[in-house]
Amino acid sequence: MKVRRILAPTDFSELSERGVAEAVSLASLLGAELVLLHVVEPAVIAGDLYGAAAMASVLEEVQQSSRQALARAVDKIKKRGQRCRGVIANGGAATTIVDTAAQLRIDLIVLATHGRSGFSHLLLGSVAERVVRSATCPVLTVPSSSARRARKRPNRKR
């Protein structure tokens, strides 16, 4: 399998930065282009609290802020000598990640997971799980540090 393009979704959180760091390492190792993706999810508001004009203004502010953060992230990676570009897309996170990967002919998706389980997972769902189930290319998930710590703890039941 030749990996030419790696997609690394980011929401600019510390957690997603772990996934991006792994993607940067892999892209460097494989000589692949890195594509950072930031998804702007639509705001869901019950009723007409602010009006369409106000919501459009808020969305534009979010998109402008996202463009600036993405440009900084891409520049930081490029300074390390890695080929990289940024993409911003609107929509639901999992669907948009999968659709963008298909459109850009991505060979590998690398994304971080929260490591939630139980009721929290049921309530909040898992973007990573939906991406793994829907993507047409391989997906590498990077566990959160809490998931890593839990895995390293010895089982002390007696």
C-alpha atoms as a PDB file:
ATOM      1  CA  MET A   1       0.000   0.000   0.000  1.00  0.00           C
ATOM      2  CA  LYS A   2       1.432   3.355  -1.047  1.00  0.00           C
ATOM      3  CA  VAL A   3       0.449   6.225   1.247  1.00  0.00           C
ATOM      4  CA  ARG A   4       0.631   9.501  -0.665  1.00  0.00           C
ATOM      5  CA  ARG A   5      -1.877  11.600   1.312  1.00  0.00           C
ATOM      6  CA  ILE A   6      -2.729  11.494   5.010  1.00  0.00           C
ATOM      7  CA  LEU A   7      -5.769  13.273   6.433  1.00  0.00           C
ATOM      8  CA  ALA A   8      -5.534  14.557  10.006  1.00  0.00           C
ATOM      9  CA  PRO A   9      -8.774  16.050  11.348  1.00  0.00           C
ATOM     10  CA  THR A  10      -8.279  18.674  14.027  1.00  0.00           C
ATOM     11  CA  ASP A  11     -10.449  20.787  16.284  1.00  0.00           C
ATOM     12  CA  PHE A  12      -7.288  22.469  17.638  1.00  0.00           C
ATOM     13  CA  SER A  13      -7.726  20.824  21.042  1.00  0.00           C
ATOM     14  CA  GLU A  14      -4.846  19.227  22.926  1.00  0.00           C
ATOM     15  CA  LEU A  15      -6.381  15.842  22.209  1.00  0.00           C
ATOM     16  CA  SER A  16      -6.626  16.325  18.444  1.00  0.00           C
ATOM     17  CA  GLU A  17      -3.079  17.667  18.412  1.00  0.00           C
ATOM     18  CA  ARG A  18      -1.926  14.186  19.522  1.00  0.00           C
ATOM     19  CA  GLY A  19      -3.504  12.782  16.377  1.00  0.00           C
ATOM     20  CA  VAL A  20      -1.939  15.512  14.254  1.00  0.00           C
ATOM     21  CA  ALA A  21       1.496  14.835  15.770  1.00  0.00           C
ATOM     22  CA  GLU A  22       1.200  11.139  14.869  1.00  0.00           C
ATOM     23  CA  ALA A  23       0.064  12.083  11.360  1.00  0.00           C
ATOM     24  CA  VAL A  24       3.037  14.439  10.937  1.00  0.00           C
ATOM     25  CA  SER A  25       5.428  11.668  11.992  1.00  0.00           C
ATOM     26  CA  LEU A  26       3.861   9.174   9.608  1.00  0.00           C
ATOM     27  CA  ALA A  27       3.770  11.639   6.717  1.00  0.00           C
ATOM     28  CA  SER A  28       7.445  12.425   7.254  1.00  0.00           C
ATOM     29  CA  LEU A  29       8.373   8.750   7.477  1.00  0.00           C
ATOM     30  CA  LEU A  30       6.371   7.826   4.355  1.00  0.00           C
ATOM     31  CA  GLY A  31       7.110  10.936   2.293  1.00  0.00           C
ATOM     32  CA  ALA A  32       3.379  11.674   2.132  1.00  0.00           C
ATOM     33  CA  GLU A  33       1.486  14.950   1.912  1.00  0.00           C
ATOM     34  CA  LEU A  34      -0.395  15.865   5.080  1.00  0.00           C
ATOM     35  CA  VAL A  35      -3.856  17.396   4.844  1.00  0.00           C
ATOM     36  CA  LEU A  36      -5.164  19.035   8.019  1.00  0.00           C
ATOM     37  CA  LEU A  37      -8.952  19.157   8.115  1.00  0.00           C
ATOM     38  CA  HIS A  38     -11.019  21.343  10.399  1.00  0.00           C
ATOM     39  CA  VAL A  39     -14.771  20.760  10.357  1.00  0.00           C
ATOM     40  CA  VAL A  40     -17.074  23.606  11.338  1.00  0.00           C
ATOM     41  CA  GLU A  41     -20.204  21.937  12.643  1.00  0.00           C
ATOM     42  CA  PRO A  42     -23.500  23.772  12.193  1.00  0.00           C
ATOM     43  CA  ALA A  43     -24.893  25.379  15.319  1.00  0.00           C
ATOM     44  CA  VAL A  44     -28.201  23.919  16.409  1.00  0.00           C
ATOM     45  CA  ILE A  45     -30.433  26.434  18.115  1.00  0.00           C
ATOM     46  CA  ALA A  46     -33.999  25.773  19.172  1.00  0.00           C
ATOM     47  CA  GLY A  47     -36.218  28.508  17.822  1.00  0.00           C
ATOM     48  CA  ASP A  48     -35.177  31.832  16.403  1.00  0.00           C
ATOM     49  CA  LEU A  49     -33.160  33.241  19.300  1.00  0.00           C
ATOM     50  CA  TYR A  50     -30.820  35.427  17.294  1.00  0.00           C
ATOM     51  CA  GLY A  51     -32.259  35.566  13.817  1.00  0.00           C
ATOM     52  CA  ALA A  52     -30.720  34.433  10.572  1.00  0.00           C
ATOM     53  CA  ALA A  53     -28.509  37.507  10.162  1.00  0.00           C
ATOM     54  CA  ALA A  54     -26.983  37.128  13.611  1.00  0.00           C
ATOM     55  CA  MET A  55     -26.377  33.394  13.071  1.00  0.00           C
ATOM     56  CA  ALA A  56     -24.709  34.111   9.725  1.00  0.00           C
ATOM     57  CA  SER A  57     -22.464  36.622  11.480  1.00  0.00           C
ATOM     58  CA  VAL A  58     -21.551  34.113  14.197  1.00  0.00           C
ATOM     59  CA  LEU A  59     -20.821  31.438  11.578  1.00  0.00           C
ATOM     60  CA  GLU A  60     -18.583  33.834   9.656  1.00  0.00           C
ATOM     61  CA  GLU A  61     -16.664  34.662  12.851  1.00  0.00           C
ATOM     62  CA  VAL A  62     -16.198  30.963  13.605  1.00  0.00           C
ATOM     63  CA  GLN A  63     -15.008  30.288  10.069  1.00  0.00           C
ATOM     64  CA  GLN A  64     -12.583  33.238  10.131  1.00  0.00           C
ATOM     65  CA  SER A  65     -11.161  32.108  13.465  1.00  0.00           C
ATOM     66  CA  SER A  66     -10.875  28.545  12.125  1.00  0.00           C
ATOM     67  CA  ARG A  67      -9.064  29.721   8.976  1.00  0.00           C
ATOM     68  CA  GLN A  68      -6.537  31.612  11.098  1.00  0.00           C
ATOM     69  CA  ALA A  69      -5.940  28.695  13.476  1.00  0.00           C
ATOM     70  CA  LEU A  70      -5.600  26.272  10.562  1.00  0.00           C
ATOM     71  CA  ALA A  71      -3.146  28.556   8.762  1.00  0.00           C
ATOM     72  CA  ARG A  72      -0.998  28.746  11.920  1.00  0.00           C
ATOM     73  CA  ALA A  73      -1.066  24.945  12.298  1.00  0.00           C
ATOM     74  CA  VAL A  74      -0.133  24.384   8.642  1.00  0.00           C
ATOM     75  CA  ASP A  75       2.703  26.945   8.814  1.00  0.00           C
ATOM     76  CA  LYS A  76       4.087  25.294  11.946  1.00  0.00           C
ATOM     77  CA  ILE A  77       4.176  21.902  10.194  1.00  0.00           C
ATOM     78  CA  LYS A  78       5.654  23.337   6.989  1.00  0.00           C
ATOM     79  CA  LYS A  79       8.476  24.933   9.003  1.00  0.00           C
ATOM     80  CA  ARG A  80       9.467  21.396   9.985  1.00  0.00           C
ATOM     81  CA  GLY A  81       9.894  20.593   6.283  1.00  0.00           C
ATOM     82  CA  GLN A  82       6.677  18.586   5.907  1.00  0.00           C
ATOM     83  CA  ARG A  83       4.389  19.049   2.893  1.00  0.00           C
ATOM     84  CA  CYS A  84       1.080  20.162   4.333  1.00  0.00           C
ATOM     85  CA  ARG A  85      -2.113  21.967   3.405  1.00  0.00           C
ATOM     86  CA  GLY A  86      -5.246  22.876   5.274  1.00  0.00           C
ATOM     87  CA  VAL A  87      -8.902  22.347   4.431  1.00  0.00           C
ATOM     88  CA  ILE A  88     -11.967  23.745   6.188  1.00  0.00           C
ATOM     89  CA  ALA A  89     -15.347  22.123   5.613  1.00  0.00           C
ATOM     90  CA  ASN A  90     -18.825  22.593   7.053  1.00  0.00           C
ATOM     91  CA  GLY A  91     -21.025  19.754   8.305  1.00  0.00           C
ATOM     92  CA  GLY A  92     -21.203  16.950  10.789  1.00  0.00           C
ATOM     93  CA  ALA A  93     -17.723  15.859  11.847  1.00  0.00           C
ATOM     94  CA  ALA A  94     -17.759  12.143  10.977  1.00  0.00           C
ATOM     95  CA  THR A  95     -19.584  12.486   7.656  1.00  0.00           C
ATOM     96  CA  THR A  96     -17.450  15.434   6.593  1.00  0.00           C
ATOM     97  CA  ILE A  97     -14.199  13.647   7.455  1.00  0.00           C
ATOM     98  CA  VAL A  98     -15.219  10.594   5.416  1.00  0.00           C
ATOM     99  CA  ASP A  99     -16.510  12.674   2.485  1.00  0.00           C
ATOM    100  CA  THR A 100     -13.386  14.860   2.421  1.00  0.00           C
ATOM    101  CA  ALA A 101     -11.149  11.786   2.480  1.00  0.00           C
ATOM    102  CA  ALA A 102     -12.972  10.388  -0.540  1.00  0.00           C
ATOM    103  CA  GLN A 103     -12.921  13.702  -2.445  1.00  0.00           C
ATOM    104  CA  LEU A 104      -9.206  14.256  -1.858  1.00  0.00           C
ATOM    105  CA  ARG A 105      -8.248  10.622  -2.512  1.00  0.00           C
ATOM    106  CA  ILE A 106      -6.781  10.236   0.942  1.00  0.00           C
ATOM    107  CA  ASP A 107      -4.840   7.015   1.570  1.00  0.00           C
ATOM    108  CA  LEU A 108      -4.912   7.111   5.390  1.00  0.00           C
ATOM    109  CA  ILE A 109      -6.896   8.988   8.043  1.00  0.00           C
ATOM    110  CA  VAL A 110      -5.210   9.588  11.406  1.00  0.00           C
ATOM    111  CA  LEU A 111      -7.404  10.869  14.231  1.00  0.00           C
ATOM    112  CA  ALA A 112      -7.414  11.004  17.986  1.00  0.00           C
ATOM    113  CA  THR A 113     -10.042   9.348  20.157  1.00  0.00           C
ATOM    114  CA  HIS A 114     -11.429  10.518  23.477  1.00  0.00           C
ATOM    115  CA  GLY A 115     -11.428   7.026  24.938  1.00  0.00           C
ATOM    116  CA  ARG A 116     -14.933   7.401  26.350  1.00  0.00           C
ATOM    117  CA  SER A 117     -16.867   4.332  27.358  1.00  0.00           C
ATOM    118  CA  GLY A 118     -20.189   3.401  28.881  1.00  0.00           C
ATOM    119  CA  PHE A 119     -22.915   5.999  29.215  1.00  0.00           C
ATOM    120  CA  SER A 120     -20.655   8.865  28.121  1.00  0.00           C
ATOM    121  CA  HIS A 121     -19.924   7.045  24.848  1.00  0.00           C
ATOM    122  CA  LEU A 122     -23.593   6.224  24.362  1.00  0.00           C
ATOM    123  CA  LEU A 123     -24.683   9.808  25.020  1.00  0.00           C
ATOM    124  CA  LEU A 124     -21.970  11.621  23.072  1.00  0.00           C
ATOM    125  CA  GLY A 125     -21.279   9.052  20.365  1.00  0.00           C
ATOM    126  CA  SER A 126     -17.896   8.660  18.791  1.00  0.00           C
ATOM    127  CA  VAL A 127     -16.713  10.524  15.732  1.00  0.00           C
ATOM    128  CA  ALA A 128     -13.752   8.154  15.467  1.00  0.00           C
ATOM    129  CA  GLU A 129     -15.993   5.093  15.568  1.00  0.00           C
ATOM    130  CA  ARG A 130     -18.253   6.471  12.833  1.00  0.00           C
ATOM    131  CA  VAL A 131     -15.227   7.354  10.693  1.00  0.00           C
ATOM    132  CA  VAL A 132     -13.743   3.867  11.127  1.00  0.00           C
ATOM    133  CA  ARG A 133     -17.054   2.291  10.095  1.00  0.00           C
ATOM    134  CA  SER A 134     -17.649   4.560   7.088  1.00  0.00           C
ATOM    135  CA  ALA A 135     -14.252   5.394   5.591  1.00  0.00           C
ATOM    136  CA  THR A 136     -13.155   3.703   2.399  1.00  0.00           C
ATOM    137  CA  CYS A 137      -9.474   4.024   3.337  1.00  0.00           C
ATOM    138  CA  PRO A 138      -7.605   2.775   6.415  1.00  0.00           C
ATOM    139  CA  VAL A 139      -8.048   4.746   9.641  1.00  0.00           C
ATOM    140  CA  LEU A 140      -5.439   4.953  12.390  1.00  0.00           C
ATOM    141  CA  THR A 141      -6.849   5.997  15.753  1.00  0.00           C
ATOM    142  CA  VAL A 142      -4.625   7.572  18.388  1.00  0.00           C
ATOM    143  CA  PRO A 143      -5.939   6.957  21.911  1.00  0.00           C
ATOM    144  CA  SER A 144      -6.220   9.734  24.458  1.00  0.00           C
ATOM    145  CA  SER A 145      -3.689   9.813  27.262  1.00  0.00           C
ATOM    146  CA  SER A 146      -6.373   8.629  29.724  1.00  0.00           C
ATOM    147  CA  ALA A 147      -7.011   5.569  27.550  1.00  0.00           C
ATOM    148  CA  ARG A 148      -3.277   4.908  27.411  1.00  0.00           C
ATOM    149  CA  ARG A 149      -2.962   5.175  31.206  1.00  0.00           C
ATOM    150  CA  ALA A 150      -5.877   2.797  31.718  1.00  0.00           C
ATOM    151  CA  ARG A 151      -4.284   0.271  29.370  1.00  0.00           C
ATOM    152  CA  LYS A 152      -0.938   0.445  31.216  1.00  0.00           C
ATOM    153  CA  ARG A 153      -2.408  -0.145  34.681  1.00  0.00           C
ATOM    154  CA  PRO A 154      -1.872  -3.705  35.861  1.00  0.00           C
ATOM    155  CA  ASN A 155      -4.952  -5.688  36.807  1.00  0.00           C
ATOM    156  CA  ARG A 156      -4.763  -5.992  40.598  1.00  0.00           C
ATOM    157  CA  LYS A 157      -7.937  -7.944  41.274  1.00  0.00           C
ATOM    158  CA  ARG A 158      -7.408 -10.720  43.769  1.00  0.00           C
END
